[in-house]
Structures are given as C-alpha cells and as structure tokens.
Amino acid sequence: MYKGTMNNVKENRAISPPTPFVKDLAKVLYGGKRFVYDFAIDMANDRYSLWKLGITHVLNAAHGRMHCQGSHSFYGSTVDYYGVPADDSPSFDLSPYFFPSAEYIQKALDTAGVLVHCAVGVSRSASLVLAYLMICHHYTLIEAINKIKEHRWIFPNIGFLKQLRALDLKLRKTSS
C-alpha cells in the first residue's frame, strides 16, 4: 500500500482536477516512450528469463484459447499465474477484474516481482496496471497514465478508458 497517510491522499484528491472526459484522456495518452517490440509476450513465454529477473508471478490479461496461452501447467510451481480472459474490445467489461488484479499485483510485489502482460501490451495489461496504481497507490487516472508513460507507451481502448474513468470517479467519491 502507498506509504503516505490517508489524510495526504484525501487532501490530494480534494485539490486534484476533476476526472477528464474520455476524449481528453485519449489526448493525454498520445506520446510516451515507445518500444520497438513488446518484451511482455516474449518474456511471458521464457521461464528462464522470468527466473533470472526474479519474477515469481504472472498476470496474463489475455488468458484463454483465443488469446495468449499460459496457465499453471505451463509455469509449473516456479511461477504463480493469474489469468484474466479479457478481449481487447471496447464492449468488453474489464472492470470486474480491476480490484482482484490490483490485489494480486500488490500481494506479488510484497514478496517478489510480477509481470503483467497481454498480447500487445498497450491496452488490456496497461488498463489493469492503471487500475492497480489508482486502487493501491491512490493515483488519479491522469497521474497513473503519466506515471506509466514515463516508462512505456500505452493506449487502452476507448471502452477501457470509460471504465477507468468510472473507477477514478468512484475512488474520488469514496476518498472524500
């Protein structure tokens, strides 16, 4: 959990600007660091590299037959696996996975490293990491986007942005 006090969080939420509309969020997402290729999908399939990096947990945001393969049987006992069967479609409701995924990421980070990935690495997995930062570290959506953009390019689909915006509004209401 965030090391600051809840009073600081409430103060920051009280003075932070209102949650932007989705079209404005899309503008914020343009830019950021772009990578030539996605390390996540390669890394997710390379158990030796996961071990070398100290990654003991994998959250696959594209779990299932039609998406990225991965399971407890693939990783064995060396890696704890959590699969989210998400479609990268604006109509897919990713929000039921926000809190369970945030809890999984936080517990994994309390003990070791975690890899969060999907097929391309810019929409599904990025949305779950944004939700994690908002839920566990009390970032606003804009703060979470800017934090991730310091390290990599992301672009959640419009449906996921709407769901993240709703989460931001819900968390702001809860903390005030």
C-alpha atoms as a PDB file:
ATOM      1  CA  MET A   1       0.000   0.000   0.000  1.00  0.00           C
ATOM      2  CA  TYR A   2       1.094   3.590  -0.513  1.00  0.00           C
ATOM      3  CA  LYS A   3       3.362   4.732   2.304  1.00  0.00           C
ATOM      4  CA  GLY A   4       1.704   8.160   2.679  1.00  0.00           C
ATOM      5  CA  THR A   5      -1.047   8.933   5.117  1.00  0.00           C
ATOM      6  CA  MET A   6      -4.707   8.763   4.225  1.00  0.00           C
ATOM      7  CA  ASN A   7      -5.013  12.457   5.127  1.00  0.00           C
ATOM      8  CA  ASN A   8      -2.487  13.310   2.408  1.00  0.00           C
ATOM      9  CA  VAL A   9      -4.410  11.171  -0.056  1.00  0.00           C
ATOM     10  CA  LYS A  10      -7.676  12.905   0.821  1.00  0.00           C
ATOM     11  CA  GLU A  11      -6.026  16.323   0.546  1.00  0.00           C
ATOM     12  CA  ASN A  12      -4.505  15.456  -2.826  1.00  0.00           C
ATOM     13  CA  ARG A  13      -7.842  14.133  -4.106  1.00  0.00           C
ATOM     14  CA  ALA A  14      -9.615  17.258  -2.849  1.00  0.00           C
ATOM     15  CA  ILE A  15      -7.310  19.606  -4.776  1.00  0.00           C
ATOM     16  CA  SER A  16      -6.733  17.465  -7.860  1.00  0.00           C
ATOM     17  CA  PRO A  17      -8.537  18.483 -11.045  1.00  0.00           C
ATOM     18  CA  PRO A  18     -11.749  16.704 -11.995  1.00  0.00           C
ATOM     19  CA  THR A  19     -11.598  13.433 -13.891  1.00  0.00           C
ATOM     20  CA  PRO A  20     -11.249  14.280 -17.600  1.00  0.00           C
ATOM     21  CA  PHE A  21     -13.662  13.048 -20.224  1.00  0.00           C
ATOM     22  CA  VAL A  22     -12.611  10.062 -22.345  1.00  0.00           C
ATOM     23  CA  LYS A  23     -11.769  12.182 -25.419  1.00  0.00           C
ATOM     24  CA  ASP A  24      -9.411  14.244 -23.247  1.00  0.00           C
ATOM     25  CA  LEU A  25      -7.862  11.083 -21.796  1.00  0.00           C
ATOM     26  CA  ALA A  26      -7.122   9.874 -25.323  1.00  0.00           C
ATOM     27  CA  LYS A  27      -5.185  13.099 -25.967  1.00  0.00           C
ATOM     28  CA  VAL A  28      -3.098  12.537 -22.822  1.00  0.00           C
ATOM     29  CA  LEU A  29      -2.219   9.031 -23.987  1.00  0.00           C
ATOM     30  CA  TYR A  30      -0.545  10.212 -27.187  1.00  0.00           C
ATOM     31  CA  GLY A  31       3.164  10.317 -26.569  1.00  0.00           C
ATOM     32  CA  GLY A  32       5.256   8.482 -24.039  1.00  0.00           C
ATOM     33  CA  LYS A  33       8.093   6.102 -24.685  1.00  0.00           C
ATOM     34  CA  ARG A  34       7.549   3.603 -27.468  1.00  0.00           C
ATOM     35  CA  PHE A  35       9.349   0.313 -27.688  1.00  0.00           C
ATOM     36  CA  VAL A  36      10.282  -1.399 -30.931  1.00  0.00           C
ATOM     37  CA  TYR A  37       8.886  -4.685 -29.665  1.00  0.00           C
ATOM     38  CA  ASP A  38       6.911  -5.829 -26.703  1.00  0.00           C
ATOM     39  CA  PHE A  39       9.004  -7.513 -24.065  1.00  0.00           C
ATOM     40  CA  ALA A  40       5.996  -8.846 -22.202  1.00  0.00           C
ATOM     41  CA  ILE A  41       4.865 -11.511 -24.642  1.00  0.00           C
ATOM     42  CA  ASP A  42       8.416 -12.738 -25.200  1.00  0.00           C
ATOM     43  CA  MET A  43       9.170 -12.622 -21.506  1.00  0.00           C
ATOM     44  CA  ALA A  44       5.947 -14.356 -20.534  1.00  0.00           C
ATOM     45  CA  ASN A  45       6.958 -17.368 -22.615  1.00  0.00           C
ATOM     46  CA  ASP A  46      10.536 -17.507 -21.335  1.00  0.00           C
ATOM     47  CA  ARG A  47      10.566 -19.161 -17.917  1.00  0.00           C
ATOM     48  CA  TYR A  48      14.349 -18.921 -17.600  1.00  0.00           C
ATOM     49  CA  SER A  49      14.347 -15.133 -18.125  1.00  0.00           C
ATOM     50  CA  LEU A  50      11.486 -14.764 -15.661  1.00  0.00           C
ATOM     51  CA  TRP A  51      13.548 -16.658 -13.113  1.00  0.00           C
ATOM     52  CA  LYS A  52      16.665 -14.521 -13.802  1.00  0.00           C
ATOM     53  CA  LEU A  53      14.653 -11.334 -13.270  1.00  0.00           C
ATOM     54  CA  GLY A  54      13.118 -12.598 -10.040  1.00  0.00           C
ATOM     55  CA  ILE A  55       9.610 -12.702 -11.472  1.00  0.00           C
ATOM     56  CA  THR A  56       7.557 -15.162  -9.491  1.00  0.00           C
ATOM     57  CA  HIS A  57       4.078 -14.007 -10.521  1.00  0.00           C
ATOM     58  CA  VAL A  58       2.485 -13.537 -13.948  1.00  0.00           C
ATOM     59  CA  LEU A  59      -0.810 -11.781 -14.623  1.00  0.00           C
ATOM     60  CA  ASN A  60      -1.935 -12.555 -18.167  1.00  0.00           C
ATOM     61  CA  ALA A  61      -4.626 -10.072 -19.221  1.00  0.00           C
ATOM     62  CA  ALA A  62      -5.288 -12.050 -22.416  1.00  0.00           C
ATOM     63  CA  HIS A  63      -5.813 -15.517 -20.956  1.00  0.00           C
ATOM     64  CA  GLY A  64      -7.713 -18.068 -22.986  1.00  0.00           C
ATOM     65  CA  ARG A  65      -7.965 -20.054 -26.200  1.00  0.00           C
ATOM     66  CA  MET A  66      -8.289 -17.027 -28.458  1.00  0.00           C
ATOM     67  CA  HIS A  67      -5.531 -15.052 -26.761  1.00  0.00           C
ATOM     68  CA  CYS A  68      -2.174 -15.685 -25.098  1.00  0.00           C
ATOM     69  CA  GLN A  69      -1.658 -19.170 -23.826  1.00  0.00           C
ATOM     70  CA  GLY A  70      -0.441 -19.517 -20.301  1.00  0.00           C
ATOM     71  CA  SER A  71      -1.553 -21.401 -17.269  1.00  0.00           C
ATOM     72  CA  HIS A  72      -0.444 -23.029 -14.055  1.00  0.00           C
ATOM     73  CA  SER A  73       0.599 -26.095 -16.052  1.00  0.00           C
ATOM     74  CA  PHE A  74       2.844 -24.005 -18.354  1.00  0.00           C
ATOM     75  CA  TYR A  75       4.642 -22.241 -15.498  1.00  0.00           C
ATOM     76  CA  GLY A  76       4.663 -25.128 -13.049  1.00  0.00           C
ATOM     77  CA  SER A  77       5.451 -24.466  -9.418  1.00  0.00           C
ATOM     78  CA  THR A  78       8.063 -21.758 -10.077  1.00  0.00           C
ATOM     79  CA  VAL A  79       5.629 -19.024 -11.114  1.00  0.00           C
ATOM     80  CA  ASP A  80       2.244 -18.131  -9.665  1.00  0.00           C
ATOM     81  CA  TYR A  81      -0.181 -17.487 -12.532  1.00  0.00           C
ATOM     82  CA  TYR A  82      -3.349 -15.383 -12.687  1.00  0.00           C
ATOM     83  CA  GLY A  83      -5.292 -15.288 -15.954  1.00  0.00           C
ATOM     84  CA  VAL A  84      -7.830 -12.648 -16.943  1.00  0.00           C
ATOM     85  CA  PRO A  85      -9.818 -13.754 -20.021  1.00  0.00           C
ATOM     86  CA  ALA A  86     -10.167 -10.250 -21.473  1.00  0.00           C
ATOM     87  CA  ASP A  87     -10.956  -9.324 -25.053  1.00  0.00           C
ATOM     88  CA  ASP A  88      -9.360  -6.129 -26.339  1.00  0.00           C
ATOM     89  CA  SER A  89     -12.742  -4.825 -27.362  1.00  0.00           C
ATOM     90  CA  PRO A  90     -14.429  -1.576 -26.295  1.00  0.00           C
ATOM     91  CA  SER A  91     -17.517  -3.606 -25.367  1.00  0.00           C
ATOM     92  CA  PHE A  92     -15.631  -5.958 -23.004  1.00  0.00           C
ATOM     93  CA  ASP A  93     -16.228  -5.194 -19.313  1.00  0.00           C
ATOM     94  CA  LEU A  94     -12.787  -5.296 -17.722  1.00  0.00           C
ATOM     95  CA  SER A  95     -13.930  -3.523 -14.552  1.00  0.00           C
ATOM     96  CA  PRO A  96     -14.815  -6.708 -12.583  1.00  0.00           C
ATOM     97  CA  TYR A  97     -11.113  -7.578 -12.787  1.00  0.00           C
ATOM     98  CA  PHE A  98      -9.796  -4.211 -11.505  1.00  0.00           C
ATOM     99  CA  PHE A  99      -9.854  -4.981  -7.780  1.00  0.00           C
ATOM    100  CA  PRO A 100      -8.846  -8.685  -7.944  1.00  0.00           C
ATOM    101  CA  SER A 101      -5.967  -7.832 -10.301  1.00  0.00           C
ATOM    102  CA  ALA A 102      -4.821  -4.939  -8.111  1.00  0.00           C
ATOM    103  CA  GLU A 103      -4.855  -7.236  -5.086  1.00  0.00           C
ATOM    104  CA  TYR A 104      -2.891  -9.900  -6.986  1.00  0.00           C
ATOM    105  CA  ILE A 105      -0.273  -7.369  -8.146  1.00  0.00           C
ATOM    106  CA  GLN A 106       0.081  -5.869  -4.667  1.00  0.00           C
ATOM    107  CA  LYS A 107       0.492  -9.264  -2.978  1.00  0.00           C
ATOM    108  CA  ALA A 108       3.037 -10.288  -5.614  1.00  0.00           C
ATOM    109  CA  LEU A 109       5.045  -7.099  -5.133  1.00  0.00           C
ATOM    110  CA  ASP A 110       5.066  -7.631  -1.373  1.00  0.00           C
ATOM    111  CA  THR A 111       7.181 -10.747  -1.907  1.00  0.00           C
ATOM    112  CA  ALA A 112       8.778 -10.677  -5.362  1.00  0.00           C
ATOM    113  CA  GLY A 113       8.421  -9.497  -8.959  1.00  0.00           C
ATOM    114  CA  VAL A 114       5.332  -9.612 -11.145  1.00  0.00           C
ATOM    115  CA  LEU A 115       4.919  -9.497 -14.916  1.00  0.00           C
ATOM    116  CA  VAL A 116       1.620  -8.105 -16.206  1.00  0.00           C
ATOM    117  CA  HIS A 117       1.115  -8.748 -19.899  1.00  0.00           C
ATOM    118  CA  CYS A 118      -1.391  -9.266 -22.692  1.00  0.00           C
ATOM    119  CA  ALA A 119      -0.938  -9.877 -26.407  1.00  0.00           C
ATOM    120  CA  VAL A 120       0.354  -6.450 -27.442  1.00  0.00           C
ATOM    121  CA  GLY A 121       0.964  -4.807 -24.063  1.00  0.00           C
ATOM    122  CA  VAL A 122      -0.734  -1.448 -24.578  1.00  0.00           C
ATOM    123  CA  SER A 123      -4.436  -1.899 -23.756  1.00  0.00           C
ATOM    124  CA  ARG A 124      -5.565  -4.779 -21.500  1.00  0.00           C
ATOM    125  CA  SER A 125      -2.469  -5.129 -19.331  1.00  0.00           C
ATOM    126  CA  ALA A 126      -1.985  -1.355 -19.259  1.00  0.00           C
ATOM    127  CA  SER A 127      -5.569  -0.894 -18.073  1.00  0.00           C
ATOM    128  CA  LEU A 128      -5.055  -3.343 -15.211  1.00  0.00           C
ATOM    129  CA  VAL A 129      -1.811  -1.634 -14.167  1.00  0.00           C
ATOM    130  CA  LEU A 130      -3.562   1.755 -14.291  1.00  0.00           C
ATOM    131  CA  ALA A 131      -6.314   0.361 -12.057  1.00  0.00           C
ATOM    132  CA  TYR A 132      -3.668  -1.040  -9.688  1.00  0.00           C
ATOM    133  CA  LEU A 133      -1.993   2.372  -9.348  1.00  0.00           C
ATOM    134  CA  MET A 134      -5.354   4.016  -8.727  1.00  0.00           C
ATOM    135  CA  ILE A 135      -6.567   1.436  -6.186  1.00  0.00           C
ATOM    136  CA  CYS A 136      -3.397   0.614  -4.265  1.00  0.00           C
ATOM    137  CA  HIS A 137      -1.400   3.835  -4.611  1.00  0.00           C
ATOM    138  CA  HIS A 138      -4.304   6.303  -4.726  1.00  0.00           C
ATOM    139  CA  TYR A 139      -3.247   7.889  -8.013  1.00  0.00           C
ATOM    140  CA  THR A 140      -5.829   9.724 -10.051  1.00  0.00           C
ATOM    141  CA  LEU A 141      -6.299   8.322 -13.541  1.00  0.00           C
ATOM    142  CA  ILE A 142      -4.240  11.134 -15.074  1.00  0.00           C
ATOM    143  CA  GLU A 143      -1.456  10.614 -12.517  1.00  0.00           C
ATOM    144  CA  ALA A 144      -1.425   6.876 -13.238  1.00  0.00           C
ATOM    145  CA  ILE A 145      -1.307   7.442 -17.009  1.00  0.00           C
ATOM    146  CA  ASN A 146       1.557   9.907 -16.665  1.00  0.00           C
ATOM    147  CA  LYS A 147       3.462   7.559 -14.336  1.00  0.00           C
ATOM    148  CA  ILE A 148       3.291   4.670 -16.800  1.00  0.00           C
ATOM    149  CA  LYS A 149       4.080   6.946 -19.765  1.00  0.00           C
ATOM    150  CA  GLU A 150       7.415   7.750 -18.073  1.00  0.00           C
ATOM    151  CA  HIS A 151       8.408   4.163 -18.804  1.00  0.00           C
ATOM    152  CA  ARG A 152       6.432   2.963 -21.818  1.00  0.00           C
ATOM    153  CA  TRP A 153       3.763   3.800 -24.357  1.00  0.00           C
ATOM    154  CA  ILE A 154       0.223   2.657 -23.559  1.00  0.00           C
ATOM    155  CA  PHE A 155      -3.113   3.090 -25.271  1.00  0.00           C
ATOM    156  CA  PRO A 156      -6.120   1.414 -23.613  1.00  0.00           C
ATOM    157  CA  ASN A 157      -9.120   1.102 -25.899  1.00  0.00           C
ATOM    158  CA  ILE A 158     -11.982   3.583 -25.532  1.00  0.00           C
ATOM    159  CA  GLY A 159     -14.150   1.134 -23.571  1.00  0.00           C
ATOM    160  CA  PHE A 160     -11.387   0.507 -21.027  1.00  0.00           C
ATOM    161  CA  LEU A 161     -10.817   4.268 -20.717  1.00  0.00           C
ATOM    162  CA  LYS A 162     -14.504   4.738 -19.891  1.00  0.00           C
ATOM    163  CA  GLN A 163     -14.269   2.022 -17.240  1.00  0.00           C
ATOM    164  CA  LEU A 164     -11.083   3.519 -15.774  1.00  0.00           C
ATOM    165  CA  ARG A 165     -12.719   6.936 -15.707  1.00  0.00           C
ATOM    166  CA  ALA A 166     -15.675   5.433 -13.810  1.00  0.00           C
ATOM    167  CA  LEU A 167     -13.208   3.851 -11.365  1.00  0.00           C
ATOM    168  CA  ASP A 168     -11.487   7.209 -10.896  1.00  0.00           C
ATOM    169  CA  LEU A 169     -14.806   8.896 -10.147  1.00  0.00           C
ATOM    170  CA  LYS A 170     -15.760   6.101  -7.728  1.00  0.00           C
ATOM    171  CA  LEU A 171     -12.434   6.256  -5.885  1.00  0.00           C
ATOM    172  CA  ARG A 172     -12.576  10.052  -5.641  1.00  0.00           C
ATOM    173  CA  LYS A 173     -16.092   9.861  -4.215  1.00  0.00           C
ATOM    174  CA  THR A 174     -15.012   7.210  -1.687  1.00  0.00           C
ATOM    175  CA  SER A 175     -11.962   9.173  -0.507  1.00  0.00           C
ATOM    176  CA  SER A 176     -13.775  12.479   0.003  1.00  0.00           C
END
